[in-house]
Full PDB file with SEQRES, HELIX, SHEET, SSBOND, CRYST1, ORIGX, SCALE, CONECT and MASTER records, all heavy atoms in Angstrom:
SEQRES   1 A   39  ALA SER SER GLU MET GLU GLY LEU PHE GLY GLN LYS ALA          
SEQRES   2 A   39  ALA PHE GLU THR PRO LYS PRO GLU PHE LEU LEU ASN ARG          
SEQRES   3 A   39  ILE ILE HIS ILE ALA THR ASN PRO ASP ASP LEU VAL LEU          
HELIX    1 AA1 SER A    2  PHE A    9  1                                   8    
HELIX    2 AA2 GLU A   21  ALA A   31  1                                  11    
CRYST1    1.000    1.000    1.000  90.00  90.00  90.00 P 1           1          
ORIGX1      1.000000  0.000000  0.000000        0.00000                         
ORIGX2      0.000000  1.000000  0.000000        0.00000                         
ORIGX3      0.000000  0.000000  1.000000        0.00000                         
SCALE1      1.000000  0.000000  0.000000        0.00000                         
SCALE2      0.000000  1.000000  0.000000        0.00000                         
SCALE3      0.000000  0.000000  1.000000        0.00000                         
ATOM      1  N   ALA A   1     -54.723  42.521 -55.595  1.00  0.00           N  
ATOM      2  CA  ALA A   1     -55.904  42.195 -56.387  1.00  0.00           C  
ATOM      3  C   ALA A   1     -55.609  42.332 -57.871  1.00  0.00           C  
ATOM      4  O   ALA A   1     -56.085  41.543 -58.693  1.00  0.00           O  
ATOM      5  CB  ALA A   1     -57.064  43.115 -55.995  1.00  0.00           C  
ATOM      6  N   SER A   2     -54.814  43.336 -58.240  1.00  0.00           N  
ATOM      7  CA  SER A   2     -54.436  43.495 -59.643  1.00  0.00           C  
ATOM      8  C   SER A   2     -53.640  42.298 -60.125  1.00  0.00           C  
ATOM      9  O   SER A   2     -53.818  41.833 -61.264  1.00  0.00           O  
ATOM     10  CB  SER A   2     -53.626  44.784 -59.817  1.00  0.00           C  
ATOM     11  OG  SER A   2     -54.402  45.923 -59.491  1.00  0.00           O  
ATOM     12  N   SER A   3     -52.777  41.787 -59.268  1.00  0.00           N  
ATOM     13  CA  SER A   3     -52.008  40.585 -59.625  1.00  0.00           C  
ATOM     14  C   SER A   3     -52.922  39.381 -59.781  1.00  0.00           C  
ATOM     15  O   SER A   3     -52.710  38.532 -60.657  1.00  0.00           O  
ATOM     16  CB  SER A   3     -50.948  40.309 -58.558  1.00  0.00           C  
ATOM     17  OG  SER A   3     -50.021  41.375 -58.472  1.00  0.00           O  
ATOM     18  N   GLU A   4     -53.946  39.299 -58.913  1.00  0.00           N  
ATOM     19  CA  GLU A   4     -54.915  38.209 -59.045  1.00  0.00           C  
ATOM     20  C   GLU A   4     -55.636  38.295 -60.382  1.00  0.00           C  
ATOM     21  O   GLU A   4     -55.846  37.272 -61.055  1.00  0.00           O  
ATOM     22  CB  GLU A   4     -55.923  38.270 -57.890  1.00  0.00           C  
ATOM     23  CG  GLU A   4     -55.330  37.931 -56.527  1.00  0.00           C  
ATOM     24  CD  GLU A   4     -56.285  38.234 -55.378  1.00  0.00           C  
ATOM     25  OE1 GLU A   4     -57.423  38.666 -55.652  1.00  0.00           O  
ATOM     26  OE2 GLU A   4     -55.891  38.034 -54.206  1.00  0.00           O  
ATOM     27  N   MET A   5     -56.011  39.513 -60.798  1.00  0.00           N  
ATOM     28  CA  MET A   5     -56.677  39.705 -62.087  1.00  0.00           C  
ATOM     29  C   MET A   5     -55.755  39.304 -63.232  1.00  0.00           C  
ATOM     30  O   MET A   5     -56.173  38.658 -64.192  1.00  0.00           O  
ATOM     31  CB  MET A   5     -57.076  41.173 -62.260  1.00  0.00           C  
ATOM     32  CG  MET A   5     -58.135  41.683 -61.309  1.00  0.00           C  
ATOM     33  SD  MET A   5     -59.743  40.896 -61.512  1.00  0.00           S  
ATOM     34  CE  MET A   5     -59.659  39.692 -60.183  1.00  0.00           C  
ATOM     35  N   GLU A   6     -54.481  39.687 -63.123  1.00  0.00           N  
ATOM     36  CA  GLU A   6     -53.527  39.353 -64.173  1.00  0.00           C  
ATOM     37  C   GLU A   6     -53.329  37.848 -64.267  1.00  0.00           C  
ATOM     38  O   GLU A   6     -53.195  37.289 -65.364  1.00  0.00           O  
ATOM     39  CB  GLU A   6     -52.194  40.056 -63.898  1.00  0.00           C  
ATOM     40  CG  GLU A   6     -51.216  39.993 -65.046  1.00  0.00           C  
ATOM     41  CD  GLU A   6     -49.996  40.868 -64.815  1.00  0.00           C  
ATOM     42  OE1 GLU A   6     -49.930  41.539 -63.760  1.00  0.00           O  
ATOM     43  OE2 GLU A   6     -49.122  40.897 -65.698  1.00  0.00           O  
ATOM     44  N   GLY A   7     -53.334  37.171 -63.114  1.00  0.00           N  
ATOM     45  CA  GLY A   7     -53.203  35.730 -63.115  1.00  0.00           C  
ATOM     46  C   GLY A   7     -54.397  35.040 -63.747  1.00  0.00           C  
ATOM     47  O   GLY A   7     -54.261  33.975 -64.365  1.00  0.00           O  
ATOM     48  N   LEU A   8     -55.579  35.636 -63.608  1.00  0.00           N  
ATOM     49  CA  LEU A   8     -56.791  35.036 -64.165  1.00  0.00           C  
ATOM     50  C   LEU A   8     -56.927  35.278 -65.658  1.00  0.00           C  
ATOM     51  O   LEU A   8     -57.326  34.392 -66.411  1.00  0.00           O  
ATOM     52  CB  LEU A   8     -58.031  35.600 -63.449  1.00  0.00           C  
ATOM     53  CG  LEU A   8     -58.320  35.085 -62.043  1.00  0.00           C  
ATOM     54  CD1 LEU A   8     -59.377  35.948 -61.383  1.00  0.00           C  
ATOM     55  CD2 LEU A   8     -58.778  33.636 -62.096  1.00  0.00           C  
ATOM     56  N   PHE A   9     -56.588  36.498 -66.093  1.00  0.00           N  
ATOM     57  CA  PHE A   9     -56.872  36.885 -67.478  1.00  0.00           C  
ATOM     58  C   PHE A   9     -55.636  37.050 -68.347  1.00  0.00           C  
ATOM     59  O   PHE A   9     -55.752  37.344 -69.527  1.00  0.00           O  
ATOM     60  CB  PHE A   9     -57.683  38.191 -67.477  1.00  0.00           C  
ATOM     61  CG  PHE A   9     -58.975  38.096 -66.716  1.00  0.00           C  
ATOM     62  CD1 PHE A   9     -59.151  38.788 -65.527  1.00  0.00           C  
ATOM     63  CD2 PHE A   9     -60.012  37.301 -67.170  1.00  0.00           C  
ATOM     64  CE1 PHE A   9     -60.340  38.690 -64.806  1.00  0.00           C  
ATOM     65  CE2 PHE A   9     -61.204  37.203 -66.462  1.00  0.00           C  
ATOM     66  CZ  PHE A   9     -61.364  37.888 -65.282  1.00  0.00           C  
ATOM     67  N   GLY A  10     -54.452  36.865 -67.738  1.00  0.00           N  
ATOM     68  CA  GLY A  10     -53.242  36.952 -68.537  1.00  0.00           C  
ATOM     69  C   GLY A  10     -52.790  38.371 -68.817  1.00  0.00           C  
ATOM     70  O   GLY A  10     -51.775  38.593 -69.454  1.00  0.00           O  
ATOM     71  N   GLN A  11     -53.545  39.336 -68.356  1.00  0.00           N  
ATOM     72  CA  GLN A  11     -53.199  40.730 -68.518  1.00  0.00           C  
ATOM     73  C   GLN A  11     -53.900  41.520 -67.426  1.00  0.00           C  
ATOM     74  O   GLN A  11     -54.841  41.036 -66.808  1.00  0.00           O  
ATOM     75  CB  GLN A  11     -53.634  41.258 -69.881  1.00  0.00           C  
ATOM     76  CG  GLN A  11     -55.142  41.122 -70.135  1.00  0.00           C  
ATOM     77  CD  GLN A  11     -55.543  41.582 -71.509  1.00  0.00           C  
ATOM     78  OE1 GLN A  11     -54.722  42.043 -72.288  1.00  0.00           O  
ATOM     79  NE2 GLN A  11     -56.817  41.461 -71.822  1.00  0.00           N  
ATOM     80  N   LYS A  12     -53.440  42.724 -67.183  1.00  0.00           N  
ATOM     81  CA  LYS A  12     -54.079  43.554 -66.168  1.00  0.00           C  
ATOM     82  C   LYS A  12     -55.458  43.969 -66.647  1.00  0.00           C  
ATOM     83  O   LYS A  12     -55.602  44.596 -67.695  1.00  0.00           O  
ATOM     84  CB  LYS A  12     -53.229  44.785 -65.857  1.00  0.00           C  
ATOM     85  CG  LYS A  12     -51.966  44.449 -65.066  1.00  0.00           C  
ATOM     86  CD  LYS A  12     -51.257  45.691 -64.590  1.00  0.00           C  
ATOM     87  CE  LYS A  12     -50.044  45.320 -63.721  1.00  0.00           C  
ATOM     88  NZ  LYS A  12     -49.331  46.510 -63.225  1.00  0.00           N  
ATOM     89  N   ALA A  13     -56.474  43.580 -65.893  1.00  0.00           N  
ATOM     90  CA  ALA A  13     -57.846  43.916 -66.262  1.00  0.00           C  
ATOM     91  C   ALA A  13     -58.106  45.394 -66.008  1.00  0.00           C  
ATOM     92  O   ALA A  13     -57.441  46.040 -65.196  1.00  0.00           O  
ATOM     93  CB  ALA A  13     -58.827  43.055 -65.474  1.00  0.00           C  
ATOM     94  N   ALA A  14     -59.094  45.917 -66.715  1.00  0.00           N  
ATOM     95  CA  ALA A  14     -59.383  47.354 -66.647  1.00  0.00           C  
ATOM     96  C   ALA A  14     -60.241  47.701 -65.441  1.00  0.00           C  
ATOM     97  O   ALA A  14     -61.363  48.183 -65.576  1.00  0.00           O  
ATOM     98  CB  ALA A  14     -60.061  47.803 -67.936  1.00  0.00           C  
ATOM     99  N   PHE A  15     -59.717  47.424 -64.230  1.00  0.00           N  
ATOM    100  CA  PHE A  15     -60.416  47.796 -62.999  1.00  0.00           C  
ATOM    101  C   PHE A  15     -59.448  48.609 -62.163  1.00  0.00           C  
ATOM    102  O   PHE A  15     -58.360  48.137 -61.824  1.00  0.00           O  
ATOM    103  CB  PHE A  15     -60.877  46.555 -62.229  1.00  0.00           C  
ATOM    104  CG  PHE A  15     -61.826  45.691 -63.011  1.00  0.00           C  
ATOM    105  CD1 PHE A  15     -61.381  44.549 -63.654  1.00  0.00           C  
ATOM    106  CD2 PHE A  15     -63.161  46.034 -63.125  1.00  0.00           C  
ATOM    107  CE1 PHE A  15     -62.246  43.757 -64.385  1.00  0.00           C  
ATOM    108  CE2 PHE A  15     -64.046  45.248 -63.853  1.00  0.00           C  
ATOM    109  CZ  PHE A  15     -63.580  44.106 -64.483  1.00  0.00           C  
ATOM    110  N   GLU A  16     -59.840  49.846 -61.832  1.00  0.00           N  
ATOM    111  CA  GLU A  16     -58.923  50.749 -61.141  1.00  0.00           C  
ATOM    112  C   GLU A  16     -58.615  50.281 -59.722  1.00  0.00           C  
ATOM    113  O   GLU A  16     -57.475  50.360 -59.276  1.00  0.00           O  
ATOM    114  CB  GLU A  16     -59.500  52.163 -61.119  1.00  0.00           C  
ATOM    115  CG  GLU A  16     -59.509  52.843 -62.488  1.00  0.00           C  
ATOM    116  CD  GLU A  16     -59.907  54.298 -62.387  1.00  0.00           C  
ATOM    117  OE1 GLU A  16     -60.044  54.781 -61.238  1.00  0.00           O  
ATOM    118  OE2 GLU A  16     -60.087  54.949 -63.415  1.00  0.00           O  
ATOM    119  N   THR A  17     -59.622  49.827 -59.023  1.00  0.00           N  
ATOM    120  CA  THR A  17     -59.413  49.470 -57.610  1.00  0.00           C  
ATOM    121  C   THR A  17     -60.044  48.116 -57.296  1.00  0.00           C  
ATOM    122  O   THR A  17     -60.976  48.029 -56.499  1.00  0.00           O  
ATOM    123  CB  THR A  17     -60.002  50.543 -56.682  1.00  0.00           C  
ATOM    124  OG1 THR A  17     -61.402  50.697 -56.996  1.00  0.00           O  
ATOM    125  CG2 THR A  17     -59.292  51.864 -56.860  1.00  0.00           C  
ATOM    126  N   PRO A  18     -59.565  47.037 -57.919  1.00  0.00           N  
ATOM    127  CA  PRO A  18     -60.120  45.720 -57.576  1.00  0.00           C  
ATOM    128  C   PRO A  18     -59.799  45.379 -56.124  1.00  0.00           C  
ATOM    129  O   PRO A  18     -58.791  45.830 -55.572  1.00  0.00           O  
ATOM    130  CB  PRO A  18     -59.411  44.776 -58.548  1.00  0.00           C  
ATOM    131  CG  PRO A  18     -58.109  45.463 -58.857  1.00  0.00           C  
ATOM    132  CD  PRO A  18     -58.436  46.931 -58.856  1.00  0.00           C  
ATOM    133  N   LYS A  19     -60.671  44.592 -55.503  1.00  0.00           N  
ATOM    134  CA  LYS A  19     -60.481  44.221 -54.101  1.00  0.00           C  
ATOM    135  C   LYS A  19     -59.841  42.833 -54.012  1.00  0.00           C  
ATOM    136  O   LYS A  19     -60.239  41.915 -54.736  1.00  0.00           O  
ATOM    137  CB  LYS A  19     -61.824  44.234 -53.364  1.00  0.00           C  
ATOM    138  CG  LYS A  19     -62.494  45.608 -53.357  1.00  0.00           C  
ATOM    139  CD  LYS A  19     -61.620  46.654 -52.698  1.00  0.00           C  
ATOM    140  CE  LYS A  19     -62.252  48.039 -52.696  1.00  0.00           C  
ATOM    141  NZ  LYS A  19     -62.132  48.721 -53.980  1.00  0.00           N  
ATOM    142  N   PRO A  20     -58.844  42.658 -53.144  1.00  0.00           N  
ATOM    143  CA  PRO A  20     -58.194  41.350 -53.009  1.00  0.00           C  
ATOM    144  C   PRO A  20     -59.140  40.315 -52.420  1.00  0.00           C  
ATOM    145  O   PRO A  20     -60.026  40.635 -51.616  1.00  0.00           O  
ATOM    146  CB  PRO A  20     -57.023  41.639 -52.066  1.00  0.00           C  
ATOM    147  CG  PRO A  20     -57.420  42.867 -51.312  1.00  0.00           C  
ATOM    148  CD  PRO A  20     -58.268  43.677 -52.249  1.00  0.00           C  
ATOM    149  N   GLU A  21     -58.940  39.055 -52.810  1.00  0.00           N  
ATOM    150  CA  GLU A  21     -59.840  37.997 -52.350  1.00  0.00           C  
ATOM    151  C   GLU A  21     -59.802  37.824 -50.840  1.00  0.00           C  
ATOM    152  O   GLU A  21     -60.815  37.494 -50.224  1.00  0.00           O  
ATOM    153  CB  GLU A  21     -59.507  36.687 -53.057  1.00  0.00           C  
ATOM    154  CG  GLU A  21     -59.905  36.659 -54.520  1.00  0.00           C  
ATOM    155  CD  GLU A  21     -60.029  35.253 -55.074  1.00  0.00           C  
ATOM    156  OE1 GLU A  21     -59.926  34.279 -54.294  1.00  0.00           O  
ATOM    157  OE2 GLU A  21     -60.246  35.119 -56.297  1.00  0.00           O  
ATOM    158  N   PHE A  22     -58.657  38.056 -50.216  1.00  0.00           N  
ATOM    159  CA  PHE A  22     -58.587  37.856 -48.764  1.00  0.00           C  
ATOM    160  C   PHE A  22     -59.377  38.914 -47.995  1.00  0.00           C  
ATOM    161  O   PHE A  22     -59.805  38.662 -46.870  1.00  0.00           O  
ATOM    162  CB  PHE A  22     -57.125  37.818 -48.295  1.00  0.00           C  
ATOM    163  CG  PHE A  22     -56.486  36.469 -48.488  1.00  0.00           C  
ATOM    164  CD1 PHE A  22     -55.707  36.210 -49.595  1.00  0.00           C  
ATOM    165  CD2 PHE A  22     -56.702  35.451 -47.571  1.00  0.00           C  
ATOM    166  CE1 PHE A  22     -55.132  34.960 -49.791  1.00  0.00           C  
ATOM    167  CE2 PHE A  22     -56.140  34.199 -47.747  1.00  0.00           C  
ATOM    168  CZ  PHE A  22     -55.350  33.951 -48.868  1.00  0.00           C  
ATOM    169  N   LEU A  23     -59.574  40.085 -48.582  1.00  0.00           N  
ATOM    170  CA  LEU A  23     -60.450  41.078 -47.948  1.00  0.00           C  
ATOM    171  C   LEU A  23     -61.874  40.560 -47.924  1.00  0.00           C  
ATOM    172  O   LEU A  23     -62.549  40.606 -46.882  1.00  0.00           O  
ATOM    173  CB  LEU A  23     -60.376  42.400 -48.710  1.00  0.00           C  
ATOM    174  CG  LEU A  23     -61.380  43.477 -48.277  1.00  0.00           C  
ATOM    175  CD1 LEU A  23     -61.120  43.912 -46.839  1.00  0.00           C  
ATOM    176  CD2 LEU A  23     -61.327  44.674 -49.220  1.00  0.00           C  
ATOM    177  N   LEU A  24     -62.366  40.055 -49.062  1.00  0.00           N  
ATOM    178  CA  LEU A  24     -63.727  39.504 -49.105  1.00  0.00           C  
ATOM    179  C   LEU A  24     -63.837  38.255 -48.257  1.00  0.00           C  
ATOM    180  O   LEU A  24     -64.878  37.992 -47.642  1.00  0.00           O  
ATOM    181  CB  LEU A  24     -64.124  39.206 -50.543  1.00  0.00           C  
ATOM    182  CG  LEU A  24     -64.772  40.339 -51.341  1.00  0.00           C  
ATOM    183  CD1 LEU A  24     -66.072  40.788 -50.667  1.00  0.00           C  
ATOM    184  CD2 LEU A  24     -63.849  41.534 -51.509  1.00  0.00           C  
ATOM    185  N   ASN A  25     -62.766  37.482 -48.195  1.00  0.00           N  
ATOM    186  CA  ASN A  25     -62.761  36.278 -47.363  1.00  0.00           C  
ATOM    187  C   ASN A  25     -63.023  36.617 -45.901  1.00  0.00           C  
ATOM    188  O   ASN A  25     -63.818  35.947 -45.227  1.00  0.00           O  
ATOM    189  CB  ASN A  25     -61.423  35.562 -47.516  1.00  0.00           C  
ATOM    190  CG  ASN A  25     -61.263  34.377 -46.574  1.00  0.00           C  
ATOM    191  OD1 ASN A  25     -60.567  34.478 -45.562  1.00  0.00           O  
ATOM    192  ND2 ASN A  25     -61.899  33.268 -46.891  1.00  0.00           N  
ATOM    193  N   ARG A  26     -62.386  37.674 -45.409  1.00  0.00           N  
ATOM    194  CA  ARG A  26     -62.596  38.054 -44.004  1.00  0.00           C  
ATOM    195  C   ARG A  26     -64.019  38.539 -43.769  1.00  0.00           C  
ATOM    196  O   ARG A  26     -64.680  38.165 -42.799  1.00  0.00           O  
ATOM    197  CB  ARG A  26     -61.600  39.131 -43.582  1.00  0.00           C  
ATOM    198  CG  ARG A  26     -61.848  39.621 -42.151  1.00  0.00           C  
ATOM    199  CD  ARG A  26     -60.704  40.421 -41.614  1.00  0.00           C  
ATOM    200  NE  ARG A  26     -59.511  39.599 -41.462  1.00  0.00           N  
ATOM    201  CZ  ARG A  26     -58.336  40.061 -41.024  1.00  0.00           C  
ATOM    202  NH1 ARG A  26     -58.207  41.348 -40.703  1.00  0.00           N  
ATOM    203  NH2 ARG A  26     -57.301  39.262 -40.919  1.00  0.00           N  
ATOM    204  N   ILE A  27     -64.506  39.399 -44.672  1.00  0.00           N  
ATOM    205  CA  ILE A  27     -65.860  39.930 -44.512  1.00  0.00           C  
ATOM    206  C   ILE A  27     -66.889  38.807 -44.529  1.00  0.00           C  
ATOM    207  O   ILE A  27     -67.778  38.726 -43.665  1.00  0.00           O  
ATOM    208  CB  ILE A  27     -66.159  40.955 -45.621  1.00  0.00           C  
ATOM    209  CG1 ILE A  27     -65.302  42.210 -45.408  1.00  0.00           C  
ATOM    210  CG2 ILE A  27     -67.643  41.323 -45.648  1.00  0.00           C  
ATOM    211  CD1 ILE A  27     -65.367  43.197 -46.553  1.00  0.00           C  
ATOM    212  N   ILE A  28     -66.782  37.916 -45.517  1.00  0.00           N  
ATOM    213  CA  ILE A  28     -67.752  36.823 -45.652  1.00  0.00           C  
ATOM    214  C   ILE A  28     -67.642  35.851 -44.492  1.00  0.00           C  
ATOM    215  O   ILE A  28     -68.650  35.327 -44.007  1.00  0.00           O  
ATOM    216  CB  ILE A  28     -67.553  36.117 -47.009  1.00  0.00           C  
ATOM    217  CG1 ILE A  28     -67.930  37.083 -48.145  1.00  0.00           C  
ATOM    218  CG2 ILE A  28     -68.391  34.850 -47.096  1.00  0.00           C  
ATOM    219  CD1 ILE A  28     -67.583  36.570 -49.528  1.00  0.00           C  
ATOM    220  N   HIS A  29     -66.419  35.625 -43.999  1.00  0.00           N  
ATOM    221  CA  HIS A  29     -66.251  34.739 -42.829  1.00  0.00           C  
ATOM    222  C   HIS A  29     -66.936  35.323 -41.600  1.00  0.00           C  
ATOM    223  O   HIS A  29     -67.637  34.615 -40.870  1.00  0.00           O  
ATOM    224  CB  HIS A  29     -64.764  34.529 -42.527  1.00  0.00           C  
ATOM    225  CG  HIS A  29     -64.513  33.921 -41.180  1.00  0.00           C  
ATOM    226  ND1 HIS A  29     -64.702  32.585 -40.917  1.00  0.00           N  
ATOM    227  CD2 HIS A  29     -64.129  34.489 -39.996  1.00  0.00           C  
ATOM    228  CE1 HIS A  29     -64.433  32.344 -39.642  1.00  0.00           C  
ATOM    229  NE2 HIS A  29     -64.095  33.484 -39.061  1.00  0.00           N  
ATOM    230  N   ILE A  30     -66.734  36.618 -41.358  1.00  0.00           N  
ATOM    231  CA  ILE A  30     -67.328  37.253 -40.181  1.00  0.00           C  
ATOM    232  C   ILE A  30     -68.851  37.278 -40.285  1.00  0.00           C  
ATOM    233  O   ILE A  30     -69.562  36.974 -39.326  1.00  0.00           O  
ATOM    234  CB  ILE A  30     -66.785  38.689 -40.015  1.00  0.00           C  
ATOM    235  CG1 ILE A  30     -65.298  38.667 -39.643  1.00  0.00           C  
ATOM    236  CG2 ILE A  30     -67.590  39.453 -38.947  1.00  0.00           C  
ATOM    237  CD1 ILE A  30     -64.645  40.042 -39.637  1.00  0.00           C  
ATOM    238  N   ALA A  31     -69.373  37.629 -41.459  1.00  0.00           N  
ATOM    239  CA  ALA A  31     -70.793  37.948 -41.595  1.00  0.00           C  
ATOM    240  C   ALA A  31     -71.692  36.773 -41.928  1.00  0.00           C  
ATOM    241  O   ALA A  31     -72.914  36.875 -41.767  1.00  0.00           O  
ATOM    242  CB  ALA A  31     -70.968  39.028 -42.665  1.00  0.00           C  
ATOM    243  N   THR A  32     -71.131  35.645 -42.371  1.00  0.00           N  
ATOM    244  CA  THR A  32     -71.974  34.556 -42.865  1.00  0.00           C  
ATOM    245  C   THR A  32     -71.467  33.196 -42.432  1.00  0.00           C  
ATOM    246  O   THR A  32     -70.344  33.051 -41.923  1.00  0.00           O  
ATOM    247  CB  THR A  32     -72.045  34.567 -44.405  1.00  0.00           C  
ATOM    248  OG1 THR A  32     -70.755  34.185 -44.935  1.00  0.00           O  
ATOM    249  CG2 THR A  32     -72.426  35.931 -44.943  1.00  0.00           C  
ATOM    250  N   ASN A  33     -72.302  32.198 -42.691  1.00  0.00           N  
ATOM    251  CA  ASN A  33     -71.952  30.791 -42.518  1.00  0.00           C  
ATOM    252  C   ASN A  33     -72.219  30.068 -43.832  1.00  0.00           C  
ATOM    253  O   ASN A  33     -72.914  30.589 -44.708  1.00  0.00           O  
ATOM    254  CB  ASN A  33     -72.777  30.170 -41.389  1.00  0.00           C  
ATOM    255  CG  ASN A  33     -72.418  30.752 -40.030  1.00  0.00           C  
ATOM    256  OD1 ASN A  33     -71.261  30.740 -39.620  1.00  0.00           O  
ATOM    257  ND2 ASN A  33     -73.414  31.299 -39.334  1.00  0.00           N  
ATOM    258  N   PRO A  34     -71.655  28.866 -44.002  1.00  0.00           N  
ATOM    259  CA  PRO A  34     -71.906  28.127 -45.240  1.00  0.00           C  
ATOM    260  C   PRO A  34     -73.394  28.060 -45.577  1.00  0.00           C  
ATOM    261  O   PRO A  34     -74.234  27.867 -44.708  1.00  0.00           O  
ATOM    262  CB  PRO A  34     -71.317  26.743 -44.940  1.00  0.00           C  
ATOM    263  CG  PRO A  34     -70.197  27.037 -43.995  1.00  0.00           C  
ATOM    264  CD  PRO A  34     -70.711  28.146 -43.121  1.00  0.00           C  
ATOM    265  N   ASP A  35     -73.695  28.243 -46.842  1.00  0.00           N  
ATOM    266  CA  ASP A  35     -75.044  28.205 -47.409  1.00  0.00           C  
ATOM    267  C   ASP A  35     -75.814  29.505 -47.214  1.00  0.00           C  
ATOM    268  O   ASP A  35     -76.933  29.639 -47.720  1.00  0.00           O  
ATOM    269  CB  ASP A  35     -75.858  27.027 -46.869  1.00  0.00           C  
ATOM    270  CG  ASP A  35     -76.843  26.496 -47.894  1.00  0.00           C  
ATOM    271  OD1 ASP A  35     -76.502  26.498 -49.091  1.00  0.00           O  
ATOM    272  OD2 ASP A  35     -77.956  26.101 -47.519  1.00  0.00           O  
ATOM    273  N   ASP A  36     -75.265  30.476 -46.482  1.00  0.00           N  
ATOM    274  CA  ASP A  36     -75.900  31.787 -46.396  1.00  0.00           C  
ATOM    275  C   ASP A  36     -75.801  32.485 -47.746  1.00  0.00           C  
ATOM    276  O   ASP A  36     -74.970  32.143 -48.594  1.00  0.00           O  
ATOM    277  CB  ASP A  36     -75.232  32.648 -45.318  1.00  0.00           C  
ATOM    278  CG  ASP A  36     -75.695  32.293 -43.915  1.00  0.00           C  
ATOM    279  OD1 ASP A  36     -76.762  31.672 -43.792  1.00  0.00           O  
ATOM    280  OD2 ASP A  36     -74.989  32.630 -42.941  1.00  0.00           O  
ATOM    281  N   LEU A  37     -76.636  33.517 -47.931  1.00  0.00           N  
ATOM    282  CA  LEU A  37     -76.723  34.227 -49.203  1.00  0.00           C  
ATOM    283  C   LEU A  37     -75.979  35.563 -49.128  1.00  0.00           C  
ATOM    284  O   LEU A  37     -76.223  36.373 -48.244  1.00  0.00           O  
ATOM    285  CB  LEU A  37     -78.189  34.466 -49.574  1.00  0.00           C  
ATOM    286  CG  LEU A  37     -78.487  35.140 -50.906  1.00  0.00           C  
ATOM    287  CD1 LEU A  37     -77.891  34.352 -52.064  1.00  0.00           C  
ATOM    288  CD2 LEU A  37     -79.996  35.291 -51.081  1.00  0.00           C  
ATOM    289  N   VAL A  38     -75.069  35.771 -50.093  1.00  0.00           N  
ATOM    290  CA  VAL A  38     -74.257  36.982 -50.180  1.00  0.00           C  
ATOM    291  C   VAL A  38     -74.638  37.729 -51.452  1.00  0.00           C  
ATOM    292  O   VAL A  38     -74.791  37.119 -52.514  1.00  0.00           O  
ATOM    293  CB  VAL A  38     -72.751  36.642 -50.207  1.00  0.00           C  
ATOM    294  CG1 VAL A  38     -71.910  37.908 -50.346  1.00  0.00           C  
ATOM    295  CG2 VAL A  38     -72.354  35.866 -48.950  1.00  0.00           C  
ATOM    296  N   LEU A  39     -74.783  39.056 -51.362  1.00  0.00           N  
ATOM    297  CA  LEU A  39     -75.175  39.880 -52.503  1.00  0.00           C  
ATOM    298  C   LEU A  39     -74.161  40.992 -52.737  1.00  0.00           C  
ATOM    299  O   LEU A  39     -73.699  41.625 -51.794  1.00  0.00           O  
ATOM    300  CB  LEU A  39     -76.555  40.503 -52.245  1.00  0.00           C  
ATOM    301  CG  LEU A  39     -77.020  41.616 -53.190  1.00  0.00           C  
ATOM    302  CD1 LEU A  39     -77.243  41.086 -54.599  1.00  0.00           C  
ATOM    303  CD2 LEU A  39     -78.284  42.287 -52.657  1.00  0.00           C  
TER     304      LEU A  39                                                      
MASTER        0    0    0    2    0    0    0    6  303    1    0    3          
END                                                                             
């Protein structure tokens, strides 16, 4: 996730424990379907 942040902003963002996108991808895939609302 830190590498993802660095790729987006060109430097390591000031987040101690960012979550990788594939972790959220699994959670959102299991819990929702397209057009559902995520908070």
